[in-house]
């Protein structure tokens, strides 16, 4: 019964880890690159966004691991 929850959390975790890597690499992500910008140059935001993405990814993967461990 918890298998769909585990899969969704694992997919979310992997996607956010990939986003974190892309943000840390400085890759322009199109629409994601403009979130939070008010038209002025903002040079320090990639590190912050990468850190937040990494934390969300790790928390989602930990949640998937915990849910999978409890279901078996």
C-alpha atoms as a PDB file:
ATOM      1  CA  UNK A   1       0.000   0.000   0.000  1.00  0.00           C
ATOM      2  CA  UNK A   2       2.858   2.416   0.693  1.00  0.00           C
ATOM      3  CA  UNK A   3       4.656   1.616  -2.550  1.00  0.00           C
ATOM      4  CA  UNK A   4       3.184   4.601  -4.492  1.00  0.00           C
ATOM      5  CA  UNK A   5       4.233   6.957  -1.686  1.00  0.00           C
ATOM      6  CA  UNK A   6       7.756   5.536  -1.732  1.00  0.00           C
ATOM      7  CA  UNK A   7       7.989   5.899  -5.515  1.00  0.00           C
ATOM      8  CA  UNK A   8       6.698   9.484  -5.514  1.00  0.00           C
ATOM      9  CA  UNK A   9       9.061  10.521  -2.725  1.00  0.00           C
ATOM     10  CA  UNK A  10      12.007   8.842  -4.460  1.00  0.00           C
ATOM     11  CA  UNK A  11      11.228  10.554  -7.782  1.00  0.00           C
ATOM     12  CA  UNK A  12      10.837  13.951  -6.080  1.00  0.00           C
ATOM     13  CA  UNK A  13      14.120  13.384  -4.248  1.00  0.00           C
ATOM     14  CA  UNK A  14      16.039  12.506  -7.397  1.00  0.00           C
ATOM     15  CA  UNK A  15      14.565  15.444  -9.346  1.00  0.00           C
ATOM     16  CA  UNK A  16      15.500  17.918  -6.624  1.00  0.00           C
ATOM     17  CA  UNK A  17      19.027  16.492  -6.325  1.00  0.00           C
ATOM     18  CA  UNK A  18      19.434  16.933 -10.107  1.00  0.00           C
ATOM     19  CA  UNK A  19      18.102  20.499  -9.829  1.00  0.00           C
ATOM     20  CA  UNK A  20      20.580  21.202  -7.034  1.00  0.00           C
ATOM     21  CA  UNK A  21      23.469  19.974  -9.188  1.00  0.00           C
ATOM     22  CA  UNK A  22      22.295  22.155 -12.081  1.00  0.00           C
ATOM     23  CA  UNK A  23      21.928  25.212  -9.843  1.00  0.00           C
ATOM     24  CA  UNK A  24      25.396  24.680  -8.363  1.00  0.00           C
ATOM     25  CA  UNK A  25      26.819  24.303 -11.888  1.00  0.00           C
ATOM     26  CA  UNK A  26      25.247  27.637 -12.844  1.00  0.00           C
ATOM     27  CA  UNK A  27      23.171  26.248 -15.684  1.00  0.00           C
ATOM     28  CA  UNK A  28      20.360  28.556 -16.826  1.00  0.00           C
ATOM     29  CA  UNK A  29      17.100  26.711 -16.268  1.00  0.00           C
ATOM     30  CA  UNK A  30      14.755  28.883 -18.316  1.00  0.00           C
ATOM     31  CA  UNK A  31      11.605  29.702 -16.340  1.00  0.00           C
ATOM     32  CA  UNK A  32      13.113  28.322 -13.121  1.00  0.00           C
ATOM     33  CA  UNK A  33      15.933  30.815 -13.459  1.00  0.00           C
ATOM     34  CA  UNK A  34      13.536  33.792 -13.268  1.00  0.00           C
ATOM     35  CA  UNK A  35      11.657  32.773 -10.105  1.00  0.00           C
ATOM     36  CA  UNK A  36      12.226  35.357  -7.420  1.00  0.00           C
ATOM     37  CA  UNK A  37      13.822  37.900  -9.721  1.00  0.00           C
ATOM     38  CA  UNK A  38      12.318  41.361  -9.819  1.00  0.00           C
ATOM     39  CA  UNK A  39      14.120  42.514 -12.928  1.00  0.00           C
ATOM     40  CA  UNK A  40      17.426  43.316 -11.254  1.00  0.00           C
ATOM     41  CA  UNK A  41      20.632  41.340 -11.431  1.00  0.00           C
ATOM     42  CA  UNK A  42      20.827  38.758  -8.655  1.00  0.00           C
ATOM     43  CA  UNK A  43      24.155  36.929  -8.665  1.00  0.00           C
ATOM     44  CA  UNK A  44      24.013  35.041  -5.382  1.00  0.00           C
ATOM     45  CA  UNK A  45      20.793  33.127  -5.848  1.00  0.00           C
ATOM     46  CA  UNK A  46      22.122  29.980  -7.529  1.00  0.00           C
ATOM     47  CA  UNK A  47      23.893  28.802  -4.401  1.00  0.00           C
ATOM     48  CA  UNK A  48      20.831  29.420  -2.250  1.00  0.00           C
ATOM     49  CA  UNK A  49      18.503  27.669  -4.706  1.00  0.00           C
ATOM     50  CA  UNK A  50      20.950  24.788  -5.032  1.00  0.00           C
ATOM     51  CA  UNK A  51      21.173  24.403  -1.270  1.00  0.00           C
ATOM     52  CA  UNK A  52      17.402  24.447  -0.830  1.00  0.00           C
ATOM     53  CA  UNK A  53      16.960  21.965  -3.681  1.00  0.00           C
ATOM     54  CA  UNK A  54      19.561  19.661  -2.156  1.00  0.00           C
ATOM     55  CA  UNK A  55      17.873  19.779   1.261  1.00  0.00           C
ATOM     56  CA  UNK A  56      14.449  19.042  -0.252  1.00  0.00           C
ATOM     57  CA  UNK A  57      15.944  16.178  -2.268  1.00  0.00           C
ATOM     58  CA  UNK A  58      17.657  14.622   0.736  1.00  0.00           C
ATOM     59  CA  UNK A  59      14.528  14.963   2.890  1.00  0.00           C
ATOM     60  CA  UNK A  60      12.366  13.362   0.174  1.00  0.00           C
ATOM     61  CA  UNK A  61      14.827  10.478  -0.278  1.00  0.00           C
ATOM     62  CA  UNK A  62      15.016   9.978   3.488  1.00  0.00           C
ATOM     63  CA  UNK A  63      11.215   9.948   3.618  1.00  0.00           C
ATOM     64  CA  UNK A  64      11.107   7.342   0.847  1.00  0.00           C
ATOM     65  CA  UNK A  65      13.671   5.198   2.648  1.00  0.00           C
ATOM     66  CA  UNK A  66      11.808   5.504   5.950  1.00  0.00           C
ATOM     67  CA  UNK A  67       8.430   4.709   4.345  1.00  0.00           C
ATOM     68  CA  UNK A  68       9.912   1.705   2.550  1.00  0.00           C
ATOM     69  CA  UNK A  69      11.555   0.446   5.733  1.00  0.00           C
ATOM     70  CA  UNK A  70       8.330   0.693   7.719  1.00  0.00           C
ATOM     71  CA  UNK A  71       6.235  -1.038   5.057  1.00  0.00           C
ATOM     72  CA  UNK A  72       8.266  -4.244   5.002  1.00  0.00           C
END
